[in-house]
Amino acid sequence: MDIDFINNIVTEVRKNKVTMVSEPLFQTTIRNYYNINSIQGDIVECGVWRGGYSVFLSHLFKDRTIWVCDSFEGFQSLKDAKYNKLTYSDPINGLTERFQKGNNMGMDVSLLDVQNVFKQFNLENDPRINFVKGFVNKTLPNININKIALLRIDVDGYSPTREVLDYLYNKVEKGGMVIFDDLCLSEAAAAVKDWMIEKNIPLEVHNPYNDKIYSLNEVVTQSESGYYTGSYIIKK
């Protein structure tokens, strides 16, 4: 790994506003690079916005197959979701699902726009990179992935978070890393906890800032859910 080059990529994607990920959360993956790179499998990001973090992953893991998965049209409709669990308490509208089609909050970035970002970072026509367009519950059941070394989940809502875990977690190799970008949000936190309970996985994640394990039974920060964005687990 050329750390100076990688840190320059981090600086550039942030300066160009093609990612909303803070600089310390890029460092989380960099710290875990040698562990991830020692494991067989592809690098998968579900929910990419403008593609900046996927660009970073493509340069960091330069010999791996990269999967860039997104609807490229914003959020799914609730009627199309696999799970219809409403978890966000809005002070005006009551219990609601804010992440749904028609309320895209600037997240509906086209595939062409994302591909142009990859082009800006010298990744045009890179045969390792696969763009997967569509909602995850439609695309992931048929995706040609056998093994995953790193899975990053950034799909915001309850149902898509569960859907990604349902379809891809069994493909994550032992020792592989699963990053929950949205664990700071009520919907995503509820999805992760429900999934962990269902799968008999301890309600514990790693703090992305210092890699220490903390419990999801405790409030640890002043986010909406009480958990850190970018928290992760290592598959055992």
C-alpha atoms as a PDB file:
ATOM      1  CA  MET A   1       0.000   0.000   0.000  1.00  0.00           C
ATOM      2  CA  ASP A   2       1.287   3.448  -0.977  1.00  0.00           C
ATOM      3  CA  ILE A   3      -0.034   5.346   2.036  1.00  0.00           C
ATOM      4  CA  ASP A   4       0.821   8.793   0.655  1.00  0.00           C
ATOM      5  CA  PHE A   5      -1.069   8.068  -2.563  1.00  0.00           C
ATOM      6  CA  ILE A   6      -4.053   6.653  -0.672  1.00  0.00           C
ATOM      7  CA  ASN A   7      -4.209   9.622   1.700  1.00  0.00           C
ATOM      8  CA  ASN A   8      -4.115  11.912  -1.325  1.00  0.00           C
ATOM      9  CA  ILE A   9      -7.128  10.047  -2.762  1.00  0.00           C
ATOM     10  CA  VAL A  10      -8.934  10.603   0.545  1.00  0.00           C
ATOM     11  CA  THR A  11      -8.128  14.313   0.402  1.00  0.00           C
ATOM     12  CA  GLU A  12      -9.282  14.627  -3.205  1.00  0.00           C
ATOM     13  CA  VAL A  13     -12.616  12.783  -2.892  1.00  0.00           C
ATOM     14  CA  ARG A  14     -13.451  14.880   0.141  1.00  0.00           C
ATOM     15  CA  LYS A  15     -12.345  18.133  -1.497  1.00  0.00           C
ATOM     16  CA  ASN A  16     -14.392  17.317  -4.601  1.00  0.00           C
ATOM     17  CA  LYS A  17     -17.448  16.588  -2.415  1.00  0.00           C
ATOM     18  CA  VAL A  18     -18.072  13.160  -3.913  1.00  0.00           C
ATOM     19  CA  THR A  19     -18.309  11.579  -0.456  1.00  0.00           C
ATOM     20  CA  MET A  20     -19.867  12.524   2.871  1.00  0.00           C
ATOM     21  CA  VAL A  21     -17.532  10.223   4.822  1.00  0.00           C
ATOM     22  CA  SER A  22     -15.314  12.000   7.327  1.00  0.00           C
ATOM     23  CA  GLU A  23     -11.551  11.605   7.096  1.00  0.00           C
ATOM     24  CA  PRO A  24     -11.224   9.490  10.283  1.00  0.00           C
ATOM     25  CA  LEU A  25     -13.628   6.904   8.840  1.00  0.00           C
ATOM     26  CA  PHE A  26     -11.379   6.413   5.816  1.00  0.00           C
ATOM     27  CA  GLN A  27      -8.579   5.740   8.288  1.00  0.00           C
ATOM     28  CA  THR A  28     -10.651   2.957   9.872  1.00  0.00           C
ATOM     29  CA  THR A  29     -10.388   0.952   6.657  1.00  0.00           C
ATOM     30  CA  ILE A  30      -6.745   1.898   6.139  1.00  0.00           C
ATOM     31  CA  ARG A  31      -5.872   0.596   9.626  1.00  0.00           C
ATOM     32  CA  ASN A  32      -7.598  -2.676   8.797  1.00  0.00           C
ATOM     33  CA  TYR A  33      -6.101  -2.914   5.301  1.00  0.00           C
ATOM     34  CA  TYR A  34      -3.568  -5.676   5.959  1.00  0.00           C
ATOM     35  CA  ASN A  35      -6.131  -7.869   7.694  1.00  0.00           C
ATOM     36  CA  ILE A  36      -8.679  -7.401   4.898  1.00  0.00           C
ATOM     37  CA  ASN A  37      -6.084  -7.881   2.185  1.00  0.00           C
ATOM     38  CA  SER A  38      -4.989 -11.181   3.734  1.00  0.00           C
ATOM     39  CA  ILE A  39      -8.502 -12.603   3.212  1.00  0.00           C
ATOM     40  CA  GLN A  40      -9.881 -13.942  -0.034  1.00  0.00           C
ATOM     41  CA  GLY A  41     -12.849 -12.166  -1.509  1.00  0.00           C
ATOM     42  CA  ASP A  42     -14.211  -9.119  -3.250  1.00  0.00           C
ATOM     43  CA  ILE A  43     -14.764  -5.580  -2.002  1.00  0.00           C
ATOM     44  CA  VAL A  44     -18.452  -4.589  -1.953  1.00  0.00           C
ATOM     45  CA  GLU A  45     -20.124  -1.264  -1.244  1.00  0.00           C
ATOM     46  CA  CYS A  46     -23.914  -1.039  -1.149  1.00  0.00           C
ATOM     47  CA  GLY A  47     -25.110   2.556  -1.288  1.00  0.00           C
ATOM     48  CA  VAL A  48     -22.439   4.750  -2.884  1.00  0.00           C
ATOM     49  CA  TRP A  49     -23.970   8.241  -3.349  1.00  0.00           C
ATOM     50  CA  ARG A  50     -21.472  10.035  -5.651  1.00  0.00           C
ATOM     51  CA  GLY A  51     -18.977   7.177  -5.491  1.00  0.00           C
ATOM     52  CA  GLY A  52     -16.120   8.752  -3.564  1.00  0.00           C
ATOM     53  CA  TYR A  53     -15.720   5.960  -1.046  1.00  0.00           C
ATOM     54  CA  SER A  54     -15.885   3.321  -3.780  1.00  0.00           C
ATOM     55  CA  VAL A  55     -13.132   5.215  -5.626  1.00  0.00           C
ATOM     56  CA  PHE A  56     -11.059   5.072  -2.445  1.00  0.00           C
ATOM     57  CA  LEU A  57     -11.693   1.335  -2.062  1.00  0.00           C
ATOM     58  CA  SER A  58     -10.808   0.734  -5.720  1.00  0.00           C
ATOM     59  CA  HIS A  59      -7.417   2.385  -5.272  1.00  0.00           C
ATOM     60  CA  LEU A  60      -6.740   0.883  -1.832  1.00  0.00           C
ATOM     61  CA  PHE A  61      -7.507  -2.689  -2.899  1.00  0.00           C
ATOM     62  CA  LYS A  62      -5.947  -2.414  -6.334  1.00  0.00           C
ATOM     63  CA  ASP A  63      -5.908  -6.153  -7.044  1.00  0.00           C
ATOM     64  CA  ARG A  64      -9.483  -6.927  -5.967  1.00  0.00           C
ATOM     65  CA  THR A  65     -12.805  -7.107  -7.743  1.00  0.00           C
ATOM     66  CA  ILE A  66     -14.903  -4.101  -6.703  1.00  0.00           C
ATOM     67  CA  TRP A  67     -18.720  -4.018  -6.615  1.00  0.00           C
ATOM     68  CA  VAL A  68     -20.417  -0.607  -6.690  1.00  0.00           C
ATOM     69  CA  CYS A  69     -24.075  -1.273  -5.833  1.00  0.00           C
ATOM     70  CA  ASP A  70     -26.769   1.386  -5.803  1.00  0.00           C
ATOM     71  CA  SER A  71     -30.213   2.109  -7.213  1.00  0.00           C
ATOM     72  CA  PHE A  72     -28.714   5.269  -8.761  1.00  0.00           C
ATOM     73  CA  GLU A  73     -32.194   6.763  -8.388  1.00  0.00           C
ATOM     74  CA  GLY A  74     -32.588   7.299  -4.658  1.00  0.00           C
ATOM     75  CA  PHE A  75     -34.608   5.269  -2.181  1.00  0.00           C
ATOM     76  CA  GLN A  76     -36.979   2.368  -2.832  1.00  0.00           C
ATOM     77  CA  SER A  77     -40.725   2.573  -2.305  1.00  0.00           C
ATOM     78  CA  LEU A  78     -41.989   1.011   0.888  1.00  0.00           C
ATOM     79  CA  LYS A  79     -44.322  -1.209  -1.131  1.00  0.00           C
ATOM     80  CA  ASP A  80     -41.263  -2.704  -2.848  1.00  0.00           C
ATOM     81  CA  ALA A  81     -39.334  -3.308   0.380  1.00  0.00           C
ATOM     82  CA  LYS A  82     -38.857  -6.771   1.835  1.00  0.00           C
ATOM     83  CA  TYR A  83     -39.289  -5.453   5.394  1.00  0.00           C
ATOM     84  CA  ASN A  84     -41.986  -2.939   6.197  1.00  0.00           C
ATOM     85  CA  LYS A  85     -40.800  -1.896   9.630  1.00  0.00           C
ATOM     86  CA  LEU A  86     -41.230   1.755  10.551  1.00  0.00           C
ATOM     87  CA  THR A  87     -38.722   2.863  13.165  1.00  0.00           C
ATOM     88  CA  TYR A  88     -38.179   6.601  12.967  1.00  0.00           C
ATOM     89  CA  SER A  89     -40.236   8.813  15.248  1.00  0.00           C
ATOM     90  CA  ASP A  90     -40.820  12.135  13.493  1.00  0.00           C
ATOM     91  CA  PRO A  91     -42.025  14.903  15.849  1.00  0.00           C
ATOM     92  CA  ILE A  92     -44.618  16.078  13.299  1.00  0.00           C
ATOM     93  CA  ASN A  93     -45.652  12.927  11.433  1.00  0.00           C
ATOM     94  CA  GLY A  94     -45.150  10.372  14.192  1.00  0.00           C
ATOM     95  CA  LEU A  95     -43.731   6.953  13.393  1.00  0.00           C
ATOM     96  CA  THR A  96     -42.607   7.045   9.789  1.00  0.00           C
ATOM     97  CA  GLU A  97     -40.026   5.824   7.272  1.00  0.00           C
ATOM     98  CA  ARG A  98     -38.113   8.817   5.991  1.00  0.00           C
ATOM     99  CA  PHE A  99     -36.003   6.860   3.479  1.00  0.00           C
ATOM    100  CA  GLN A 100     -38.456   6.135   0.707  1.00  0.00           C
ATOM    101  CA  LYS A 101     -38.923   6.986  -2.940  1.00  0.00           C
ATOM    102  CA  GLY A 102     -40.121  10.546  -3.395  1.00  0.00           C
ATOM    103  CA  ASN A 103     -38.074  11.767  -0.412  1.00  0.00           C
ATOM    104  CA  ASN A 104     -34.630  11.289  -1.892  1.00  0.00           C
ATOM    105  CA  MET A 105     -32.829  14.007   0.088  1.00  0.00           C
ATOM    106  CA  GLY A 106     -30.263  14.549  -2.668  1.00  0.00           C
ATOM    107  CA  MET A 107     -29.326  10.874  -2.805  1.00  0.00           C
ATOM    108  CA  ASP A 108     -30.567  10.202  -6.350  1.00  0.00           C
ATOM    109  CA  VAL A 109     -27.223  10.401  -8.179  1.00  0.00           C
ATOM    110  CA  SER A 110     -27.239   8.801 -11.624  1.00  0.00           C
ATOM    111  CA  LEU A 111     -25.008   5.925 -12.680  1.00  0.00           C
ATOM    112  CA  LEU A 112     -23.438   8.136 -15.353  1.00  0.00           C
ATOM    113  CA  ASP A 113     -22.532  10.775 -12.752  1.00  0.00           C
ATOM    114  CA  VAL A 114     -20.886   8.141 -10.559  1.00  0.00           C
ATOM    115  CA  GLN A 115     -19.021   6.659 -13.518  1.00  0.00           C
ATOM    116  CA  ASN A 116     -17.746  10.141 -14.349  1.00  0.00           C
ATOM    117  CA  VAL A 117     -16.340  10.409 -10.828  1.00  0.00           C
ATOM    118  CA  PHE A 118     -14.487   7.134 -11.394  1.00  0.00           C
ATOM    119  CA  LYS A 119     -13.178   8.568 -14.661  1.00  0.00           C
ATOM    120  CA  GLN A 120     -11.828  11.627 -12.818  1.00  0.00           C
ATOM    121  CA  PHE A 121      -9.795   9.281 -10.624  1.00  0.00           C
ATOM    122  CA  ASN A 122      -8.303   7.249 -13.509  1.00  0.00           C
ATOM    123  CA  LEU A 123     -10.605   4.264 -13.040  1.00  0.00           C
ATOM    124  CA  GLU A 124     -12.429   4.486 -16.358  1.00  0.00           C
ATOM    125  CA  ASN A 125     -12.991   1.067 -17.946  1.00  0.00           C
ATOM    126  CA  ASP A 126     -11.169  -0.718 -15.116  1.00  0.00           C
ATOM    127  CA  PRO A 127     -12.218  -4.386 -15.612  1.00  0.00           C
ATOM    128  CA  ARG A 128     -12.168  -5.018 -11.849  1.00  0.00           C
ATOM    129  CA  ILE A 129     -15.018  -2.596 -11.205  1.00  0.00           C
ATOM    130  CA  ASN A 130     -18.631  -3.708 -11.491  1.00  0.00           C
ATOM    131  CA  PHE A 131     -21.486  -1.205 -11.318  1.00  0.00           C
ATOM    132  CA  VAL A 132     -24.719  -2.837 -10.156  1.00  0.00           C
ATOM    133  CA  LYS A 133     -27.801  -0.706 -10.791  1.00  0.00           C
ATOM    134  CA  GLY A 134     -31.044  -1.398  -8.974  1.00  0.00           C
ATOM    135  CA  PHE A 135     -32.551  -1.762  -5.523  1.00  0.00           C
ATOM    136  CA  VAL A 136     -30.625  -4.279  -3.442  1.00  0.00           C
ATOM    137  CA  ASN A 137     -33.546  -6.667  -2.955  1.00  0.00           C
ATOM    138  CA  LYS A 138     -33.743  -7.009  -6.757  1.00  0.00           C
ATOM    139  CA  THR A 139     -30.040  -7.155  -7.646  1.00  0.00           C
ATOM    140  CA  LEU A 140     -28.245  -8.908  -4.777  1.00  0.00           C
ATOM    141  CA  PRO A 141     -30.075 -12.271  -4.985  1.00  0.00           C
ATOM    142  CA  ASN A 142     -28.597 -12.742  -8.462  1.00  0.00           C
ATOM    143  CA  ILE A 143     -25.207 -11.072  -8.080  1.00  0.00           C
ATOM    144  CA  ASN A 144     -22.156 -13.142  -9.081  1.00  0.00           C
ATOM    145  CA  ILE A 145     -20.164 -12.823  -5.849  1.00  0.00           C
ATOM    146  CA  ASN A 146     -18.731 -15.900  -4.160  1.00  0.00           C
ATOM    147  CA  LYS A 147     -16.538 -14.454  -1.401  1.00  0.00           C
ATOM    148  CA  ILE A 148     -16.379 -11.053   0.265  1.00  0.00           C
ATOM    149  CA  ALA A 149     -13.443  -9.607   2.226  1.00  0.00           C
ATOM    150  CA  LEU A 150     -15.032  -6.204   2.920  1.00  0.00           C
ATOM    151  CA  LEU A 151     -18.717  -5.276   2.861  1.00  0.00           C
ATOM    152  CA  ARG A 152     -19.701  -1.652   3.432  1.00  0.00           C
ATOM    153  CA  ILE A 153     -23.410  -0.953   3.953  1.00  0.00           C
ATOM    154  CA  ASP A 154     -24.663   2.602   3.414  1.00  0.00           C
ATOM    155  CA  VAL A 155     -28.304   2.231   2.372  1.00  0.00           C
ATOM    156  CA  ASP A 156     -29.895   4.242   5.214  1.00  0.00           C
ATOM    157  CA  GLY A 157     -33.285   2.581   5.721  1.00  0.00           C
ATOM    158  CA  TYR A 158     -34.373  -0.448   7.740  1.00  0.00           C
ATOM    159  CA  SER A 159     -35.413  -2.721   4.907  1.00  0.00           C
ATOM    160  CA  PRO A 160     -32.421  -2.252   2.571  1.00  0.00           C
ATOM    161  CA  THR A 161     -30.005  -2.656   5.484  1.00  0.00           C
ATOM    162  CA  ARG A 162     -31.601  -5.987   6.366  1.00  0.00           C
ATOM    163  CA  GLU A 163     -31.747  -6.976   2.704  1.00  0.00           C
ATOM    164  CA  VAL A 164     -28.001  -6.434   2.194  1.00  0.00           C
ATOM    165  CA  LEU A 165     -27.241  -8.521   5.276  1.00  0.00           C
ATOM    166  CA  ASP A 166     -29.694 -11.232   4.218  1.00  0.00           C
ATOM    167  CA  TYR A 167     -28.154 -11.630   0.780  1.00  0.00           C
ATOM    168  CA  LEU A 168     -24.456 -10.950   1.351  1.00  0.00           C
ATOM    169  CA  TYR A 169     -23.359 -11.675   4.929  1.00  0.00           C
ATOM    170  CA  ASN A 170     -23.097 -15.415   4.302  1.00  0.00           C
ATOM    171  CA  LYS A 171     -20.575 -14.600   1.558  1.00  0.00           C
ATOM    172  CA  VAL A 172     -18.300 -12.622   3.892  1.00  0.00           C
ATOM    173  CA  GLU A 173     -15.227 -14.696   4.688  1.00  0.00           C
ATOM    174  CA  LYS A 174     -14.138 -15.435   8.242  1.00  0.00           C
ATOM    175  CA  GLY A 175     -12.099 -12.444   9.391  1.00  0.00           C
ATOM    176  CA  GLY A 176     -13.834 -10.225   6.838  1.00  0.00           C
ATOM    177  CA  MET A 177     -15.038  -6.751   7.739  1.00  0.00           C
ATOM    178  CA  VAL A 178     -18.623  -5.432   7.627  1.00  0.00           C
ATOM    179  CA  ILE A 179     -18.969  -1.645   7.984  1.00  0.00           C
ATOM    180  CA  PHE A 180     -22.314  -0.150   9.049  1.00  0.00           C
ATOM    181  CA  ASP A 181     -22.079   3.432   7.833  1.00  0.00           C
ATOM    182  CA  ASP A 182     -25.592   4.258   9.035  1.00  0.00           C
ATOM    183  CA  LEU A 183     -25.462   2.790  12.527  1.00  0.00           C
ATOM    184  CA  CYS A 184     -25.944   6.336  13.813  1.00  0.00           C
ATOM    185  CA  LEU A 185     -29.487   6.335  12.354  1.00  0.00           C
ATOM    186  CA  SER A 186     -32.535   4.847  14.086  1.00  0.00           C
ATOM    187  CA  GLU A 187     -33.666   2.723  11.118  1.00  0.00           C
ATOM    188  CA  ALA A 188     -30.274   1.204  10.360  1.00  0.00           C
ATOM    189  CA  ALA A 189     -29.466   0.589  14.019  1.00  0.00           C
ATOM    190  CA  ALA A 190     -32.779  -1.225  14.493  1.00  0.00           C
ATOM    191  CA  ALA A 191     -32.109  -3.313  11.382  1.00  0.00           C
ATOM    192  CA  VAL A 192     -28.620  -4.308  12.508  1.00  0.00           C
ATOM    193  CA  LYS A 193     -29.755  -5.199  16.025  1.00  0.00           C
ATOM    194  CA  ASP A 194     -32.753  -7.224  14.813  1.00  0.00           C
ATOM    195  CA  TRP A 195     -30.502  -9.086  12.381  1.00  0.00           C
ATOM    196  CA  MET A 196     -27.856  -9.781  15.054  1.00  0.00           C
ATOM    197  CA  ILE A 197     -30.485 -11.146  17.441  1.00  0.00           C
ATOM    198  CA  GLU A 198     -31.958 -13.329  14.700  1.00  0.00           C
ATOM    199  CA  LYS A 199     -28.496 -14.693  13.782  1.00  0.00           C
ATOM    200  CA  ASN A 200     -27.297 -15.133  17.390  1.00  0.00           C
ATOM    201  CA  ILE A 201     -24.501 -12.616  16.854  1.00  0.00           C
ATOM    202  CA  PRO A 202     -23.422 -10.708  19.990  1.00  0.00           C
ATOM    203  CA  LEU A 203     -24.761  -7.143  20.133  1.00  0.00           C
ATOM    204  CA  GLU A 204     -21.253  -5.714  19.841  1.00  0.00           C
ATOM    205  CA  VAL A 205     -19.456  -3.627  17.230  1.00  0.00           C
ATOM    206  CA  HIS A 206     -16.089  -1.920  16.879  1.00  0.00           C
ATOM    207  CA  ASN A 207     -15.745   1.813  17.497  1.00  0.00           C
ATOM    208  CA  PRO A 208     -14.442   3.142  14.139  1.00  0.00           C
ATOM    209  CA  TYR A 209     -12.220   5.727  15.811  1.00  0.00           C
ATOM    210  CA  ASN A 210     -10.196   3.438  18.068  1.00  0.00           C
ATOM    211  CA  ASP A 211     -11.277  -0.108  17.031  1.00  0.00           C
ATOM    212  CA  LYS A 212     -12.408  -0.978  20.561  1.00  0.00           C
ATOM    213  CA  ILE A 213     -15.531  -3.111  20.967  1.00  0.00           C
ATOM    214  CA  TYR A 214     -18.658  -1.532  22.435  1.00  0.00           C
ATOM    215  CA  SER A 215     -22.107  -2.892  23.221  1.00  0.00           C
ATOM    216  CA  LEU A 216     -25.275  -1.983  21.366  1.00  0.00           C
ATOM    217  CA  ASN A 217     -27.040  -2.258  24.705  1.00  0.00           C
ATOM    218  CA  GLU A 218     -25.456   1.062  25.694  1.00  0.00           C
ATOM    219  CA  VAL A 219     -25.659   4.629  24.405  1.00  0.00           C
ATOM    220  CA  VAL A 220     -22.096   5.635  23.553  1.00  0.00           C
ATOM    221  CA  THR A 221     -22.408   8.882  21.598  1.00  0.00           C
ATOM    222  CA  GLN A 222     -24.869  11.703  20.910  1.00  0.00           C
ATOM    223  CA  SER A 223     -26.040  10.441  17.536  1.00  0.00           C
ATOM    224  CA  GLU A 224     -29.699   9.772  16.803  1.00  0.00           C
ATOM    225  CA  SER A 225     -29.335   6.066  17.656  1.00  0.00           C
ATOM    226  CA  GLY A 226     -26.635   6.492  20.285  1.00  0.00           C
ATOM    227  CA  TYR A 227     -24.065   4.599  18.155  1.00  0.00           C
ATOM    228  CA  TYR A 228     -21.165   5.654  15.950  1.00  0.00           C
ATOM    229  CA  THR A 229     -21.486   6.003  12.205  1.00  0.00           C
ATOM    230  CA  GLY A 230     -19.039   3.659  10.508  1.00  0.00           C
ATOM    231  CA  SER A 231     -19.001   1.080  13.307  1.00  0.00           C
ATOM    232  CA  TYR A 232     -18.007  -2.366  12.110  1.00  0.00           C
ATOM    233  CA  ILE A 233     -17.800  -6.051  12.903  1.00  0.00           C
ATOM    234  CA  ILE A 234     -15.218  -8.679  12.011  1.00  0.00           C
ATOM    235  CA  LYS A 235     -16.850 -11.976  11.032  1.00  0.00           C
ATOM    236  CA  LYS A 236     -15.899 -14.827  13.332  1.00  0.00           C
END
